[in-house]
């Protein structure tokens, strides 16, 4: 799914190299955790790949503002804690994984560059939080408590107040087997309460994969979680974005959460069932018979969801070749215009 960045305190990795390798190791699930991107703390040198040269110079953003519309952009947009990746215009939002040592730098960068961000404060590999193969909330709380300092509490409170920080992503795809099968909506509510004990104004949320919104924990509802980001792939409704949007909004109302939206641009296009897996209408996805979304799909789906009443509009995930393709850039600009025209919404629980 929507791949967040690895903790900012981890060792340096080259973005261009990792983007190439990830396609081969992304895993067997349709929606994989947002935890394998390079560290934002470390300096990222300019690198050259088959896709071209990835600049580490900050790219000015077109019409990026914290005062209107909803934020729009791909996860993994940041090259490091002070720099956005090549092709970052016209995006003004992303999900950013942070560690205690870099969170305030990332917030300051977002403010300077007119970015609005969702923090991922505990976006380590799922195995970090497992005990005997099951999710261990005590381990998660230990990770979260690392941020409990006066300077970070004050920095987050100010960033939420001025609209730079939209919320915190507590867990990516809790419905998947990698968490051990013991995560429930009630447990996520418990986690939200714990996090709000440190950051009372920071909306707490989760990312849920394309089909799971209508299949996971259907008899339960959230009572403390503020927002859920739902992601669309063509295969869920065979391209009927309106059907999916309406279903998601109904579930969000039932759960009492503020919806946010995302497109799986790399693996969420029309599925290639021909047997050849060459995706002639776009390009091959990262695994299986998945294909990239076409520029027309990005434009159509993105504009529909930008107007659907969410608090953010994201995409999984930054990929240099895909993001910088001319036709896709045109589509991104069209979606960015729709997102800018949408009413600004908080990610707090309605």
C-alpha atoms as a PDB file:
ATOM      1  CA  UNK A   1       0.000   0.000   0.000  1.00  0.00           C
ATOM      2  CA  UNK A   2       1.117   3.447   0.789  1.00  0.00           C
ATOM      3  CA  UNK A   3       4.755   3.072   1.623  1.00  0.00           C
ATOM      4  CA  UNK A   4       5.929   5.417   4.386  1.00  0.00           C
ATOM      5  CA  UNK A   5       9.595   6.153   4.881  1.00  0.00           C
ATOM      6  CA  UNK A   6      11.843   4.278   7.252  1.00  0.00           C
ATOM      7  CA  UNK A   7      12.650   5.965  10.557  1.00  0.00           C
ATOM      8  CA  UNK A   8      14.695   9.076  10.055  1.00  0.00           C
ATOM      9  CA  UNK A   9      17.340   7.868  12.474  1.00  0.00           C
ATOM     10  CA  UNK A  10      18.348   4.836  10.337  1.00  0.00           C
ATOM     11  CA  UNK A  11      21.477   4.593   8.233  1.00  0.00           C
ATOM     12  CA  UNK A  12      21.906   6.365   4.920  1.00  0.00           C
ATOM     13  CA  UNK A  13      20.442   4.709   1.818  1.00  0.00           C
ATOM     14  CA  UNK A  14      20.439   6.010  -1.686  1.00  0.00           C
ATOM     15  CA  UNK A  15      16.936   6.864  -2.863  1.00  0.00           C
ATOM     16  CA  UNK A  16      17.492   6.121  -6.540  1.00  0.00           C
ATOM     17  CA  UNK A  17      19.081   2.741  -5.839  1.00  0.00           C
ATOM     18  CA  UNK A  18      16.403   1.720  -3.368  1.00  0.00           C
ATOM     19  CA  UNK A  19      13.573   2.735  -5.664  1.00  0.00           C
ATOM     20  CA  UNK A  20      14.913   0.293  -8.233  1.00  0.00           C
ATOM     21  CA  UNK A  21      15.461  -2.554  -5.773  1.00  0.00           C
ATOM     22  CA  UNK A  22      12.055  -2.222  -4.132  1.00  0.00           C
ATOM     23  CA  UNK A  23      10.228  -3.379  -7.232  1.00  0.00           C
ATOM     24  CA  UNK A  24      11.870  -6.755  -6.899  1.00  0.00           C
ATOM     25  CA  UNK A  25      11.354  -7.239  -3.170  1.00  0.00           C
ATOM     26  CA  UNK A  26       8.011  -5.640  -2.526  1.00  0.00           C
ATOM     27  CA  UNK A  27       6.459  -8.890  -1.294  1.00  0.00           C
ATOM     28  CA  UNK A  28       3.510 -11.091  -2.074  1.00  0.00           C
ATOM     29  CA  UNK A  29       0.631  -9.036  -0.697  1.00  0.00           C
ATOM     30  CA  UNK A  30      -1.240  -6.528  -2.806  1.00  0.00           C
ATOM     31  CA  UNK A  31      -0.738  -3.869  -0.191  1.00  0.00           C
ATOM     32  CA  UNK A  32       2.623  -3.826   1.490  1.00  0.00           C
ATOM     33  CA  UNK A  33       3.741  -1.834   4.542  1.00  0.00           C
ATOM     34  CA  UNK A  34       5.018   1.699   4.251  1.00  0.00           C
ATOM     35  CA  UNK A  35       8.329   0.981   5.922  1.00  0.00           C
ATOM     36  CA  UNK A  36      11.149   0.409   3.441  1.00  0.00           C
ATOM     37  CA  UNK A  37      12.151   3.847   2.221  1.00  0.00           C
ATOM     38  CA  UNK A  38      15.470   5.665   2.875  1.00  0.00           C
ATOM     39  CA  UNK A  39      16.248   7.553   6.047  1.00  0.00           C
ATOM     40  CA  UNK A  40      15.330  11.215   5.910  1.00  0.00           C
ATOM     41  CA  UNK A  41      17.933  12.180   8.481  1.00  0.00           C
ATOM     42  CA  UNK A  42      20.868  11.313   6.315  1.00  0.00           C
ATOM     43  CA  UNK A  43      22.232  13.455   3.468  1.00  0.00           C
ATOM     44  CA  UNK A  44      21.236  11.996   0.118  1.00  0.00           C
ATOM     45  CA  UNK A  45      23.827  12.577  -2.629  1.00  0.00           C
ATOM     46  CA  UNK A  46      22.796  13.196  -6.188  1.00  0.00           C
ATOM     47  CA  UNK A  47      22.556   9.814  -7.931  1.00  0.00           C
ATOM     48  CA  UNK A  48      22.010   8.710 -11.472  1.00  0.00           C
ATOM     49  CA  UNK A  49      19.885   5.716 -12.447  1.00  0.00           C
ATOM     50  CA  UNK A  50      18.348   4.407 -15.640  1.00  0.00           C
ATOM     51  CA  UNK A  51      15.442   6.739 -14.889  1.00  0.00           C
ATOM     52  CA  UNK A  52      17.655   9.807 -14.857  1.00  0.00           C
ATOM     53  CA  UNK A  53      19.396  11.969 -12.312  1.00  0.00           C
ATOM     54  CA  UNK A  54      17.663  12.474  -8.982  1.00  0.00           C
ATOM     55  CA  UNK A  55      18.396  15.947  -7.747  1.00  0.00           C
ATOM     56  CA  UNK A  56      18.675  16.626  -4.038  1.00  0.00           C
ATOM     57  CA  UNK A  57      17.947  20.305  -4.497  1.00  0.00           C
ATOM     58  CA  UNK A  58      14.584  21.350  -3.160  1.00  0.00           C
ATOM     59  CA  UNK A  59      12.041  21.831  -5.912  1.00  0.00           C
ATOM     60  CA  UNK A  60       9.803  24.904  -5.619  1.00  0.00           C
ATOM     61  CA  UNK A  61       6.182  23.871  -5.330  1.00  0.00           C
ATOM     62  CA  UNK A  62       3.451  25.321  -7.496  1.00  0.00           C
ATOM     63  CA  UNK A  63       0.595  26.851  -5.514  1.00  0.00           C
ATOM     64  CA  UNK A  64       1.535  25.017  -2.299  1.00  0.00           C
ATOM     65  CA  UNK A  65      -0.251  26.601   0.632  1.00  0.00           C
ATOM     66  CA  UNK A  66      -1.336  25.632   4.117  1.00  0.00           C
ATOM     67  CA  UNK A  67      -4.349  27.933   4.039  1.00  0.00           C
ATOM     68  CA  UNK A  68      -6.737  26.342   1.545  1.00  0.00           C
ATOM     69  CA  UNK A  69      -7.765  23.097  -0.084  1.00  0.00           C
ATOM     70  CA  UNK A  70      -6.594  19.624   0.917  1.00  0.00           C
ATOM     71  CA  UNK A  71      -3.000  18.392   0.723  1.00  0.00           C
ATOM     72  CA  UNK A  72      -2.105  16.216  -2.238  1.00  0.00           C
ATOM     73  CA  UNK A  73       0.962  14.157  -3.060  1.00  0.00           C
ATOM     74  CA  UNK A  74       2.642  10.741  -2.971  1.00  0.00           C
ATOM     75  CA  UNK A  75       3.989   9.045   0.109  1.00  0.00           C
ATOM     76  CA  UNK A  76       7.799   8.835   0.192  1.00  0.00           C
ATOM     77  CA  UNK A  77       8.010  12.253  -1.456  1.00  0.00           C
ATOM     78  CA  UNK A  78      10.834  13.424   0.790  1.00  0.00           C
ATOM     79  CA  UNK A  79      14.481  12.665  -0.068  1.00  0.00           C
ATOM     80  CA  UNK A  80      15.631  13.632   3.426  1.00  0.00           C
ATOM     81  CA  UNK A  81      14.488  15.772   6.350  1.00  0.00           C
ATOM     82  CA  UNK A  82      15.226  19.024   4.534  1.00  0.00           C
ATOM     83  CA  UNK A  83      14.709  18.130   0.859  1.00  0.00           C
ATOM     84  CA  UNK A  84      11.908  16.994  -1.415  1.00  0.00           C
ATOM     85  CA  UNK A  85      12.549  14.610  -4.294  1.00  0.00           C
ATOM     86  CA  UNK A  86      12.741  15.444  -7.987  1.00  0.00           C
ATOM     87  CA  UNK A  87       9.364  16.112  -9.558  1.00  0.00           C
ATOM     88  CA  UNK A  88       7.814  17.343  -6.305  1.00  0.00           C
ATOM     89  CA  UNK A  89       5.746  20.093  -7.918  1.00  0.00           C
ATOM     90  CA  UNK A  90       2.726  20.338  -7.867  1.00  0.00           C
ATOM     91  CA  UNK A  91       2.492  18.314  -4.651  1.00  0.00           C
ATOM     92  CA  UNK A  92       1.949  19.948  -1.282  1.00  0.00           C
ATOM     93  CA  UNK A  93       1.400  16.943   0.968  1.00  0.00           C
ATOM     94  CA  UNK A  94       2.878  13.596   1.902  1.00  0.00           C
ATOM     95  CA  UNK A  95       3.258  11.017   4.648  1.00  0.00           C
ATOM     96  CA  UNK A  96       6.637  11.380   6.326  1.00  0.00           C
ATOM     97  CA  UNK A  97       8.270   8.856   8.635  1.00  0.00           C
ATOM     98  CA  UNK A  98      10.103  10.517  11.492  1.00  0.00           C
ATOM     99  CA  UNK A  99      12.284   9.666  14.448  1.00  0.00           C
ATOM    100  CA  UNK A 100      12.665  11.715  17.641  1.00  0.00           C
ATOM    101  CA  UNK A 101      15.906  13.231  16.408  1.00  0.00           C
ATOM    102  CA  UNK A 102      14.481  14.563  13.162  1.00  0.00           C
ATOM    103  CA  UNK A 103      10.804  15.243  13.709  1.00  0.00           C
ATOM    104  CA  UNK A 104      11.262  18.928  14.490  1.00  0.00           C
ATOM    105  CA  UNK A 105      13.537  19.397  11.476  1.00  0.00           C
ATOM    106  CA  UNK A 106      10.959  17.751   9.224  1.00  0.00           C
ATOM    107  CA  UNK A 107       8.196  19.961  10.622  1.00  0.00           C
ATOM    108  CA  UNK A 108      10.304  23.084  10.098  1.00  0.00           C
ATOM    109  CA  UNK A 109      11.048  22.009   6.523  1.00  0.00           C
ATOM    110  CA  UNK A 110       7.381  21.383   5.820  1.00  0.00           C
ATOM    111  CA  UNK A 111       6.495  24.825   7.140  1.00  0.00           C
ATOM    112  CA  UNK A 112       9.182  26.509   5.037  1.00  0.00           C
ATOM    113  CA  UNK A 113       8.187  24.652   1.877  1.00  0.00           C
ATOM    114  CA  UNK A 114       4.428  25.095   2.386  1.00  0.00           C
ATOM    115  CA  UNK A 115       3.932  21.351   2.786  1.00  0.00           C
ATOM    116  CA  UNK A 116       1.257  19.649   4.858  1.00  0.00           C
ATOM    117  CA  UNK A 117       2.279  16.323   6.256  1.00  0.00           C
ATOM    118  CA  UNK A 118       1.009  13.224   7.985  1.00  0.00           C
ATOM    119  CA  UNK A 119       3.624  11.970  10.415  1.00  0.00           C
ATOM    120  CA  UNK A 120       4.473   8.282  10.714  1.00  0.00           C
ATOM    121  CA  UNK A 121       6.028   8.196  14.181  1.00  0.00           C
ATOM    122  CA  UNK A 122       6.081   4.401  14.543  1.00  0.00           C
ATOM    123  CA  UNK A 123       6.618   3.311  10.933  1.00  0.00           C
ATOM    124  CA  UNK A 124       9.135   0.562  11.609  1.00  0.00           C
ATOM    125  CA  UNK A 125       8.842  -2.932  10.159  1.00  0.00           C
ATOM    126  CA  UNK A 126       5.946  -4.901  11.600  1.00  0.00           C
ATOM    127  CA  UNK A 127       8.424  -7.362  13.096  1.00  0.00           C
ATOM    128  CA  UNK A 128       9.621  -4.597  15.415  1.00  0.00           C
ATOM    129  CA  UNK A 129       6.291  -4.812  17.211  1.00  0.00           C
ATOM    130  CA  UNK A 130       5.727  -8.573  17.283  1.00  0.00           C
ATOM    131  CA  UNK A 131       6.019 -10.960  20.220  1.00  0.00           C
ATOM    132  CA  UNK A 132       5.598 -14.633  19.343  1.00  0.00           C
ATOM    133  CA  UNK A 133       4.229 -13.567  15.974  1.00  0.00           C
ATOM    134  CA  UNK A 134       1.537 -11.286  17.411  1.00  0.00           C
ATOM    135  CA  UNK A 135       1.332  -7.499  17.580  1.00  0.00           C
ATOM    136  CA  UNK A 136       2.540  -6.344  20.991  1.00  0.00           C
ATOM    137  CA  UNK A 137       1.008  -3.000  21.926  1.00  0.00           C
ATOM    138  CA  UNK A 138       3.545  -2.571  24.722  1.00  0.00           C
ATOM    139  CA  UNK A 139       6.332  -2.468  22.125  1.00  0.00           C
ATOM    140  CA  UNK A 140       4.357   0.039  20.093  1.00  0.00           C
ATOM    141  CA  UNK A 141       3.857   2.259  23.140  1.00  0.00           C
ATOM    142  CA  UNK A 142       7.566   2.089  23.857  1.00  0.00           C
ATOM    143  CA  UNK A 143       8.318   3.345  20.350  1.00  0.00           C
ATOM    144  CA  UNK A 144       5.731   6.100  20.656  1.00  0.00           C
ATOM    145  CA  UNK A 145       6.988   7.256  24.042  1.00  0.00           C
ATOM    146  CA  UNK A 146      10.363   8.170  22.523  1.00  0.00           C
ATOM    147  CA  UNK A 147       8.698  11.350  21.242  1.00  0.00           C
ATOM    148  CA  UNK A 148       7.443  12.400  24.671  1.00  0.00           C
ATOM    149  CA  UNK A 149       9.665  15.410  25.255  1.00  0.00           C
ATOM    150  CA  UNK A 150       8.667  18.995  25.955  1.00  0.00           C
ATOM    151  CA  UNK A 151      10.235  20.311  22.747  1.00  0.00           C
ATOM    152  CA  UNK A 152       8.519  17.723  20.554  1.00  0.00           C
ATOM    153  CA  UNK A 153       5.172  18.134  22.313  1.00  0.00           C
ATOM    154  CA  UNK A 154       5.336  21.886  21.816  1.00  0.00           C
ATOM    155  CA  UNK A 155       6.530  21.582  18.217  1.00  0.00           C
ATOM    156  CA  UNK A 156       3.709  19.231  17.283  1.00  0.00           C
ATOM    157  CA  UNK A 157       1.088  21.341  19.045  1.00  0.00           C
ATOM    158  CA  UNK A 158       2.184  24.399  17.063  1.00  0.00           C
ATOM    159  CA  UNK A 159       2.327  22.485  13.775  1.00  0.00           C
ATOM    160  CA  UNK A 160      -1.175  21.089  14.262  1.00  0.00           C
ATOM    161  CA  UNK A 161      -2.440  24.551  15.156  1.00  0.00           C
ATOM    162  CA  UNK A 162      -1.033  26.195  12.052  1.00  0.00           C
ATOM    163  CA  UNK A 163      -2.027  23.339   9.733  1.00  0.00           C
ATOM    164  CA  UNK A 164       1.422  22.005   8.825  1.00  0.00           C
ATOM    165  CA  UNK A 165       0.830  18.639  10.504  1.00  0.00           C
ATOM    166  CA  UNK A 166      -2.463  16.895   9.733  1.00  0.00           C
ATOM    167  CA  UNK A 167      -2.111  13.836  11.929  1.00  0.00           C
ATOM    168  CA  UNK A 168      -0.095  10.772  12.858  1.00  0.00           C
ATOM    169  CA  UNK A 169      -0.320   7.375  11.149  1.00  0.00           C
ATOM    170  CA  UNK A 170      -0.257   4.776  13.945  1.00  0.00           C
ATOM    171  CA  UNK A 171      -0.292   1.632  11.805  1.00  0.00           C
ATOM    172  CA  UNK A 172      -0.275   0.712   8.139  1.00  0.00           C
ATOM    173  CA  UNK A 173      -2.920  -1.825   7.091  1.00  0.00           C
ATOM    174  CA  UNK A 174      -3.856  -3.335  10.469  1.00  0.00           C
ATOM    175  CA  UNK A 175      -6.034  -5.839   8.613  1.00  0.00           C
ATOM    176  CA  UNK A 176      -3.063  -7.694   7.092  1.00  0.00           C
ATOM    177  CA  UNK A 177      -1.523 -10.918   8.398  1.00  0.00           C
ATOM    178  CA  UNK A 178       1.857  -9.344   9.050  1.00  0.00           C
ATOM    179  CA  UNK A 179       0.499  -7.949  12.335  1.00  0.00           C
ATOM    180  CA  UNK A 180      -0.363 -11.417  13.622  1.00  0.00           C
ATOM    181  CA  UNK A 181      -4.143 -11.278  13.342  1.00  0.00           C
ATOM    182  CA  UNK A 182      -4.811  -9.775  16.786  1.00  0.00           C
ATOM    183  CA  UNK A 183      -5.243  -6.105  15.858  1.00  0.00           C
ATOM    184  CA  UNK A 184      -8.797  -4.831  16.319  1.00  0.00           C
ATOM    185  CA  UNK A 185     -10.531  -1.492  16.123  1.00  0.00           C
ATOM    186  CA  UNK A 186     -10.726  -1.503  19.918  1.00  0.00           C
ATOM    187  CA  UNK A 187      -6.956  -1.967  20.161  1.00  0.00           C
ATOM    188  CA  UNK A 188      -6.354   0.881  17.707  1.00  0.00           C
ATOM    189  CA  UNK A 189      -8.637   3.060  19.838  1.00  0.00           C
ATOM    190  CA  UNK A 190      -6.476   2.181  22.832  1.00  0.00           C
ATOM    191  CA  UNK A 191      -3.375   3.207  20.888  1.00  0.00           C
ATOM    192  CA  UNK A 192      -5.005   6.501  19.890  1.00  0.00           C
ATOM    193  CA  UNK A 193      -5.792   7.278  23.522  1.00  0.00           C
ATOM    194  CA  UNK A 194      -2.191   6.555  24.508  1.00  0.00           C
ATOM    195  CA  UNK A 195      -0.787   8.834  21.792  1.00  0.00           C
ATOM    196  CA  UNK A 196      -3.234  11.623  22.620  1.00  0.00           C
ATOM    197  CA  UNK A 197      -2.041  11.481  26.211  1.00  0.00           C
ATOM    198  CA  UNK A 198       1.212  12.951  24.880  1.00  0.00           C
ATOM    199  CA  UNK A 199      -0.166  14.922  21.920  1.00  0.00           C
ATOM    200  CA  UNK A 200      -3.791  15.835  22.675  1.00  0.00           C
ATOM    201  CA  UNK A 201      -4.324  17.919  19.542  1.00  0.00           C
ATOM    202  CA  UNK A 202      -2.682  15.497  17.091  1.00  0.00           C
ATOM    203  CA  UNK A 203      -5.256  13.449  15.111  1.00  0.00           C
ATOM    204  CA  UNK A 204      -4.423   9.737  15.215  1.00  0.00           C
ATOM    205  CA  UNK A 205      -5.233   7.468  12.292  1.00  0.00           C
ATOM    206  CA  UNK A 206      -4.452   4.356  10.248  1.00  0.00           C
ATOM    207  CA  UNK A 207      -4.088   3.340   6.611  1.00  0.00           C
ATOM    208  CA  UNK A 208      -6.453   0.631   5.319  1.00  0.00           C
ATOM    209  CA  UNK A 209      -5.951  -1.292   2.076  1.00  0.00           C
ATOM    210  CA  UNK A 210      -8.260  -1.213  -0.969  1.00  0.00           C
ATOM    211  CA  UNK A 211     -10.739  -4.046  -0.267  1.00  0.00           C
ATOM    212  CA  UNK A 212     -10.479  -4.067   3.527  1.00  0.00           C
ATOM    213  CA  UNK A 213     -12.771  -1.099   4.188  1.00  0.00           C
ATOM    214  CA  UNK A 214     -15.789  -3.342   3.614  1.00  0.00           C
ATOM    215  CA  UNK A 215     -14.357  -6.628   4.932  1.00  0.00           C
ATOM    216  CA  UNK A 216     -12.348  -5.922   8.088  1.00  0.00           C
ATOM    217  CA  UNK A 217     -13.965  -5.692  11.549  1.00  0.00           C
ATOM    218  CA  UNK A 218     -17.371  -4.994  10.030  1.00  0.00           C
ATOM    219  CA  UNK A 219     -19.282  -5.503  13.293  1.00  0.00           C
ATOM    220  CA  UNK A 220     -17.025  -3.129  15.247  1.00  0.00           C
ATOM    221  CA  UNK A 221     -16.572   0.632  15.065  1.00  0.00           C
ATOM    222  CA  UNK A 222     -13.903   3.099  16.105  1.00  0.00           C
ATOM    223  CA  UNK A 223     -14.552   5.376  19.061  1.00  0.00           C
ATOM    224  CA  UNK A 224     -11.203   7.192  19.461  1.00  0.00           C
ATOM    225  CA  UNK A 225      -9.355   6.912  16.145  1.00  0.00           C
ATOM    226  CA  UNK A 226      -9.688  10.217  14.272  1.00  0.00           C
ATOM    227  CA  UNK A 227      -9.071   9.388  10.634  1.00  0.00           C
ATOM    228  CA  UNK A 228      -8.638   6.502   8.240  1.00  0.00           C
ATOM    229  CA  UNK A 229      -6.891   6.724   4.893  1.00  0.00           C
ATOM    230  CA  UNK A 230      -8.519   4.444   2.336  1.00  0.00           C
ATOM    231  CA  UNK A 231      -6.673   3.500  -0.844  1.00  0.00           C
ATOM    232  CA  UNK A 232      -8.142   2.672  -4.230  1.00  0.00           C
ATOM    233  CA  UNK A 233      -7.002   0.085  -6.780  1.00  0.00           C
ATOM    234  CA  UNK A 234      -8.799  -0.693 -10.042  1.00  0.00           C
ATOM    235  CA  UNK A 235      -9.374  -4.346  -9.126  1.00  0.00           C
ATOM    236  CA  UNK A 236     -11.613  -3.568  -6.138  1.00  0.00           C
ATOM    237  CA  UNK A 237     -14.496  -2.316  -8.292  1.00  0.00           C
ATOM    238  CA  UNK A 238     -13.132  -2.826 -11.836  1.00  0.00           C
ATOM    239  CA  UNK A 239     -12.584   0.875 -12.200  1.00  0.00           C
ATOM    240  CA  UNK A 240     -15.891   2.085 -10.757  1.00  0.00           C
ATOM    241  CA  UNK A 241     -14.446   4.807  -8.545  1.00  0.00           C
ATOM    242  CA  UNK A 242     -17.878   6.185  -7.637  1.00  0.00           C
ATOM    243  CA  UNK A 243     -19.006   2.864  -6.202  1.00  0.00           C
ATOM    244  CA  UNK A 244     -15.841   2.594  -4.119  1.00  0.00           C
ATOM    245  CA  UNK A 245     -16.035   6.217  -2.943  1.00  0.00           C
ATOM    246  CA  UNK A 246     -19.630   5.804  -1.773  1.00  0.00           C
ATOM    247  CA  UNK A 247     -18.805   2.585   0.044  1.00  0.00           C
ATOM    248  CA  UNK A 248     -15.858   4.177   1.818  1.00  0.00           C
ATOM    249  CA  UNK A 249     -17.855   7.227   2.868  1.00  0.00           C
ATOM    250  CA  UNK A 250     -20.571   4.983   4.302  1.00  0.00           C
ATOM    251  CA  UNK A 251     -18.022   3.032   6.336  1.00  0.00           C
ATOM    252  CA  UNK A 252     -16.340   6.242   7.532  1.00  0.00           C
ATOM    253  CA  UNK A 253     -19.683   7.585   8.732  1.00  0.00           C
ATOM    254  CA  UNK A 254     -20.400   4.328  10.549  1.00  0.00           C
ATOM    255  CA  UNK A 255     -16.973   4.408  12.199  1.00  0.00           C
ATOM    256  CA  UNK A 256     -17.231   8.105  13.014  1.00  0.00           C
ATOM    257  CA  UNK A 257     -13.863   8.861  11.408  1.00  0.00           C
ATOM    258  CA  UNK A 258     -12.698  11.547   9.024  1.00  0.00           C
ATOM    259  CA  UNK A 259     -11.787   9.892   5.696  1.00  0.00           C
ATOM    260  CA  UNK A 260      -8.625  10.542   3.750  1.00  0.00           C
ATOM    261  CA  UNK A 261      -8.003   9.030   0.319  1.00  0.00           C
ATOM    262  CA  UNK A 262      -5.174   7.528  -1.679  1.00  0.00           C
ATOM    263  CA  UNK A 263      -4.547   5.993  -5.100  1.00  0.00           C
ATOM    264  CA  UNK A 264      -2.294   3.002  -5.639  1.00  0.00           C
ATOM    265  CA  UNK A 265      -0.640   4.494  -8.693  1.00  0.00           C
ATOM    266  CA  UNK A 266       2.019   1.788  -9.081  1.00  0.00           C
ATOM    267  CA  UNK A 267      -0.067  -1.372  -8.607  1.00  0.00           C
ATOM    268  CA  UNK A 268      -3.630  -0.087  -8.828  1.00  0.00           C
ATOM    269  CA  UNK A 269      -4.195   0.287 -12.558  1.00  0.00           C
ATOM    270  CA  UNK A 270      -6.163  -2.080 -14.796  1.00  0.00           C
ATOM    271  CA  UNK A 271      -5.006  -5.611 -14.053  1.00  0.00           C
ATOM    272  CA  UNK A 272      -3.290  -7.427 -16.935  1.00  0.00           C
ATOM    273  CA  UNK A 273      -4.863 -10.898 -17.055  1.00  0.00           C
ATOM    274  CA  UNK A 274      -3.544 -11.715 -20.526  1.00  0.00           C
ATOM    275  CA  UNK A 275      -0.812 -13.973 -19.179  1.00  0.00           C
ATOM    276  CA  UNK A 276       1.982 -11.905 -20.682  1.00  0.00           C
ATOM    277  CA  UNK A 277       1.989  -9.245 -17.941  1.00  0.00           C
ATOM    278  CA  UNK A 278       3.288  -6.476 -20.143  1.00  0.00           C
ATOM    279  CA  UNK A 279       0.621  -3.850 -19.312  1.00  0.00           C
ATOM    280  CA  UNK A 280       0.737  -2.259 -22.781  1.00  0.00           C
ATOM    281  CA  UNK A 281      -1.638   0.540 -21.755  1.00  0.00           C
ATOM    282  CA  UNK A 282       0.665   1.791 -18.975  1.00  0.00           C
ATOM    283  CA  UNK A 283       3.598  -0.086 -17.431  1.00  0.00           C
ATOM    284  CA  UNK A 284       4.126  -3.112 -15.235  1.00  0.00           C
ATOM    285  CA  UNK A 285       3.451  -2.764 -11.540  1.00  0.00           C
ATOM    286  CA  UNK A 286       5.764  -3.994  -8.826  1.00  0.00           C
ATOM    287  CA  UNK A 287       4.571  -7.614  -8.748  1.00  0.00           C
ATOM    288  CA  UNK A 288       2.020 -10.129 -10.003  1.00  0.00           C
ATOM    289  CA  UNK A 289      -0.211  -8.987 -12.857  1.00  0.00           C
ATOM    290  CA  UNK A 290      -0.546  -5.447 -11.540  1.00  0.00           C
ATOM    291  CA  UNK A 291      -0.089  -2.400 -13.722  1.00  0.00           C
ATOM    292  CA  UNK A 292       0.560   1.262 -13.134  1.00  0.00           C
ATOM    293  CA  UNK A 293      -2.415   3.571 -13.326  1.00  0.00           C
ATOM    294  CA  UNK A 294      -2.597   5.444 -16.613  1.00  0.00           C
ATOM    295  CA  UNK A 295      -2.495   9.231 -16.592  1.00  0.00           C
ATOM    296  CA  UNK A 296      -6.214   9.272 -17.446  1.00  0.00           C
ATOM    297  CA  UNK A 297      -6.986   6.992 -14.495  1.00  0.00           C
ATOM    298  CA  UNK A 298      -4.983   9.185 -12.132  1.00  0.00           C
ATOM    299  CA  UNK A 299      -6.829  12.232 -13.412  1.00  0.00           C
ATOM    300  CA  UNK A 300     -10.310  10.708 -13.260  1.00  0.00           C
ATOM    301  CA  UNK A 301      -9.933   8.847  -9.971  1.00  0.00           C
ATOM    302  CA  UNK A 302      -7.970  11.660  -8.343  1.00  0.00           C
ATOM    303  CA  UNK A 303     -10.441  14.399  -9.206  1.00  0.00           C
ATOM    304  CA  UNK A 304     -13.333  12.243  -8.002  1.00  0.00           C
ATOM    305  CA  UNK A 305     -11.703  11.554  -4.650  1.00  0.00           C
ATOM    306  CA  UNK A 306     -10.362  15.079  -4.200  1.00  0.00           C
ATOM    307  CA  UNK A 307     -13.971  16.278  -4.205  1.00  0.00           C
ATOM    308  CA  UNK A 308     -15.236  13.500  -1.911  1.00  0.00           C
ATOM    309  CA  UNK A 309     -14.801  15.324   1.381  1.00  0.00           C
ATOM    310  CA  UNK A 310     -11.578  13.861   2.747  1.00  0.00           C
ATOM    311  CA  UNK A 311      -8.893  15.621   4.764  1.00  0.00           C
ATOM    312  CA  UNK A 312      -6.031  14.551   2.465  1.00  0.00           C
ATOM    313  CA  UNK A 313      -5.367  13.052  -0.956  1.00  0.00           C
ATOM    314  CA  UNK A 314      -2.320  10.796  -1.218  1.00  0.00           C
ATOM    315  CA  UNK A 315      -0.816   8.269  -3.650  1.00  0.00           C
ATOM    316  CA  UNK A 316       1.315   5.148  -3.137  1.00  0.00           C
ATOM    317  CA  UNK A 317       4.144   5.900  -3.725  1.00  0.00           C
ATOM    318  CA  UNK A 318       6.910   8.170  -5.031  1.00  0.00           C
ATOM    319  CA  UNK A 319       8.700   6.552  -7.975  1.00  0.00           C
ATOM    320  CA  UNK A 320      11.025   8.747 -10.004  1.00  0.00           C
ATOM    321  CA  UNK A 321      10.188   7.352 -13.434  1.00  0.00           C
ATOM    322  CA  UNK A 322       6.441   7.406 -12.821  1.00  0.00           C
ATOM    323  CA  UNK A 323       6.263  10.767 -11.071  1.00  0.00           C
ATOM    324  CA  UNK A 324       8.358  12.619 -13.647  1.00  0.00           C
ATOM    325  CA  UNK A 325       6.640  11.193 -16.741  1.00  0.00           C
ATOM    326  CA  UNK A 326       5.173  14.090 -18.712  1.00  0.00           C
ATOM    327  CA  UNK A 327       1.651  12.677 -19.116  1.00  0.00           C
ATOM    328  CA  UNK A 328       1.481  11.835 -15.415  1.00  0.00           C
ATOM    329  CA  UNK A 329       2.694  15.293 -14.467  1.00  0.00           C
ATOM    330  CA  UNK A 330      -0.200  16.764 -16.460  1.00  0.00           C
ATOM    331  CA  UNK A 331      -2.620  14.510 -14.584  1.00  0.00           C
ATOM    332  CA  UNK A 332      -1.082  15.433 -11.239  1.00  0.00           C
ATOM    333  CA  UNK A 333      -1.566  19.114 -11.982  1.00  0.00           C
ATOM    334  CA  UNK A 334      -5.242  18.527 -12.779  1.00  0.00           C
ATOM    335  CA  UNK A 335      -5.763  16.618  -9.537  1.00  0.00           C
ATOM    336  CA  UNK A 336      -3.813  19.258  -7.612  1.00  0.00           C
ATOM    337  CA  UNK A 337      -6.206  21.897  -8.942  1.00  0.00           C
ATOM    338  CA  UNK A 338      -9.199  19.865  -7.773  1.00  0.00           C
ATOM    339  CA  UNK A 339      -7.596  19.333  -4.361  1.00  0.00           C
ATOM    340  CA  UNK A 340      -6.837  23.037  -4.023  1.00  0.00           C
ATOM    341  CA  UNK A 341     -10.481  23.853  -4.793  1.00  0.00           C
ATOM    342  CA  UNK A 342     -11.840  21.415  -2.199  1.00  0.00           C
ATOM    343  CA  UNK A 343     -12.856  22.678   1.239  1.00  0.00           C
ATOM    344  CA  UNK A 344     -10.046  22.463   3.771  1.00  0.00           C
ATOM    345  CA  UNK A 345     -10.831  19.814   6.375  1.00  0.00           C
ATOM    346  CA  UNK A 346      -9.277  18.755   9.645  1.00  0.00           C
ATOM    347  CA  UNK A 347      -8.338  15.105  10.109  1.00  0.00           C
ATOM    348  CA  UNK A 348      -9.809  15.214  13.606  1.00  0.00           C
ATOM    349  CA  UNK A 349     -12.675  12.868  14.361  1.00  0.00           C
ATOM    350  CA  UNK A 350     -15.881  14.620  13.205  1.00  0.00           C
END
